[in-house]
């Protein structure tokens, strides 16, 4: 197994793990991203969007394991990084967490599209 394949599989498992964590302990994820929705609806959104999307995409990549599926997941990360970069400029939100997330999303995306 090459280093790239190992890294890609790690990213896929990491994605699925983040999805499961977002579903099971949404407040932890909300605190990390400084998202504090009011009420049960906000909690459901965190579980569904952060948890469901990440579990679904990570699960699909684990199930199918094809280069095309890995690339799709990579483009999701790259799209998130681009949207975050634009949002950081528009919203003037230059926090350490945002820079860390931007770096991580871009790195994970690049690993998966190679």
Protein backbone atom coordinates (compact mmCIF):
# COMPACT_ATOMS: atom_id res chain seq x y z
CA UNK A 1 0.00 0.00 0.00
CA UNK A 2 1.43 3.36 -1.01
CA UNK A 3 1.57 6.36 1.29
CA UNK A 4 -1.05 8.18 -0.83
CA UNK A 5 -3.51 5.29 -0.62
CA UNK A 6 -2.96 5.07 3.14
CA UNK A 7 -3.56 8.83 3.50
CA UNK A 8 -6.70 8.66 1.37
CA UNK A 9 -8.12 5.83 3.48
CA UNK A 10 -7.26 7.76 6.63
CA UNK A 11 -9.17 10.81 5.32
CA UNK A 12 -12.19 8.65 4.48
CA UNK A 13 -12.24 7.12 7.97
CA UNK A 14 -11.67 10.58 9.50
CA UNK A 15 -14.66 11.93 7.55
CA UNK A 16 -16.91 9.11 8.73
CA UNK A 17 -15.65 9.57 12.31
CA UNK A 18 -16.43 13.30 12.26
CA UNK A 19 -19.90 12.46 10.99
CA UNK A 20 -20.52 9.96 13.78
CA UNK A 21 -19.16 12.37 16.39
CA UNK A 22 -21.34 15.18 15.03
CA UNK A 23 -24.37 12.93 15.31
CA UNK A 24 -23.62 11.54 18.76
CA UNK A 25 -22.09 14.60 20.50
CA UNK A 26 -23.28 17.59 18.47
CA UNK A 27 -22.52 20.12 21.22
CA UNK A 28 -18.81 19.25 20.99
CA UNK A 29 -18.84 20.01 17.26
CA UNK A 30 -20.92 23.16 17.80
CA UNK A 31 -18.43 24.42 20.38
CA UNK A 32 -15.47 23.72 18.10
CA UNK A 33 -16.97 25.65 15.18
CA UNK A 34 -18.45 28.33 17.47
CA UNK A 35 -21.96 27.53 16.31
CA UNK A 36 -24.58 27.98 19.00
CA UNK A 37 -28.06 27.40 17.62
CA UNK A 38 -31.04 27.95 19.88
CA UNK A 39 -33.48 25.15 20.50
CA UNK A 40 -33.99 21.61 19.36
CA UNK A 41 -34.15 22.57 15.68
CA UNK A 42 -30.55 23.76 15.74
CA UNK A 43 -29.42 20.54 17.40
CA UNK A 44 -31.23 18.52 14.74
CA UNK A 45 -29.54 20.55 12.00
CA UNK A 46 -26.12 19.85 13.50
CA UNK A 47 -26.84 16.13 13.70
CA UNK A 48 -28.35 16.01 10.20
CA UNK A 49 -25.99 18.27 8.26
CA UNK A 50 -22.68 17.82 10.05
CA UNK A 51 -23.41 14.26 11.11
CA UNK A 52 -25.53 12.88 8.30
CA UNK A 53 -23.62 14.38 5.40
CA UNK A 54 -20.22 13.40 6.74
CA UNK A 55 -21.37 9.89 7.69
CA UNK A 56 -23.04 9.44 4.31
CA UNK A 57 -20.10 10.64 2.26
CA UNK A 58 -17.52 8.85 4.38
CA UNK A 59 -19.65 5.71 4.40
CA UNK A 60 -20.04 5.77 0.62
CA UNK A 61 -16.29 6.13 0.19
CA UNK A 62 -15.72 3.21 2.58
CA UNK A 63 -18.34 1.08 0.85
CA UNK A 64 -17.34 1.70 -2.75
CA UNK A 65 -13.68 2.60 -2.33
CA UNK A 66 -13.20 3.76 -5.91
CA UNK A 67 -10.97 6.59 -7.03
CA UNK A 68 -14.01 8.45 -8.37
CA UNK A 69 -15.77 8.30 -4.99
CA UNK A 70 -12.61 9.47 -3.24
CA UNK A 71 -12.39 12.34 -5.72
CA UNK A 72 -16.03 13.28 -5.07
CA UNK A 73 -15.29 13.47 -1.36
CA UNK A 74 -12.15 15.47 -2.12
CA UNK A 75 -14.13 17.98 -4.18
CA UNK A 76 -16.54 18.35 -1.27
CA UNK A 77 -13.60 19.29 0.96
CA UNK A 78 -12.14 21.64 -1.68
CA UNK A 79 -15.53 23.28 -2.22
CA UNK A 80 -15.83 23.78 1.52
CA UNK A 81 -12.34 25.31 1.64
CA UNK A 82 -13.12 27.73 -1.20
CA UNK A 83 -16.43 28.72 0.39
CA UNK A 84 -14.70 29.19 3.74
CA UNK A 85 -11.99 31.39 2.20
CA UNK A 86 -14.56 33.61 0.51
CA UNK A 87 -16.68 33.73 3.66
CA UNK A 88 -13.66 34.63 5.79
CA UNK A 89 -13.02 37.65 3.57
CA UNK A 90 -16.67 38.70 3.25
CA UNK A 91 -17.41 38.21 6.95
CA UNK A 92 -13.98 39.38 8.14
CA UNK A 93 -13.75 36.21 10.18
CA UNK A 94 -10.01 35.63 10.44
CA UNK A 95 -9.97 33.42 13.52
CA UNK A 96 -7.38 30.79 14.27
CA UNK A 97 -10.08 28.10 14.03
CA UNK A 98 -11.07 29.31 10.56
CA UNK A 99 -7.48 29.24 9.33
CA UNK A 100 -7.01 25.76 10.79
CA UNK A 101 -10.23 24.50 9.17
CA UNK A 102 -9.29 26.10 5.83
CA UNK A 103 -5.89 24.43 5.87
CA UNK A 104 -7.33 21.05 6.90
CA UNK A 105 -10.13 21.12 4.31
CA UNK A 106 -7.74 22.07 1.51
CA UNK A 107 -5.22 19.41 2.56
CA UNK A 108 -7.82 16.64 2.84
CA UNK A 109 -9.33 17.65 -0.49
CA UNK A 110 -5.98 17.58 -2.25
CA UNK A 111 -5.12 14.18 -0.77
CA UNK A 112 -8.38 12.72 -2.05
CA UNK A 113 -8.30 14.13 -5.59
CA UNK A 114 -4.74 12.93 -6.32
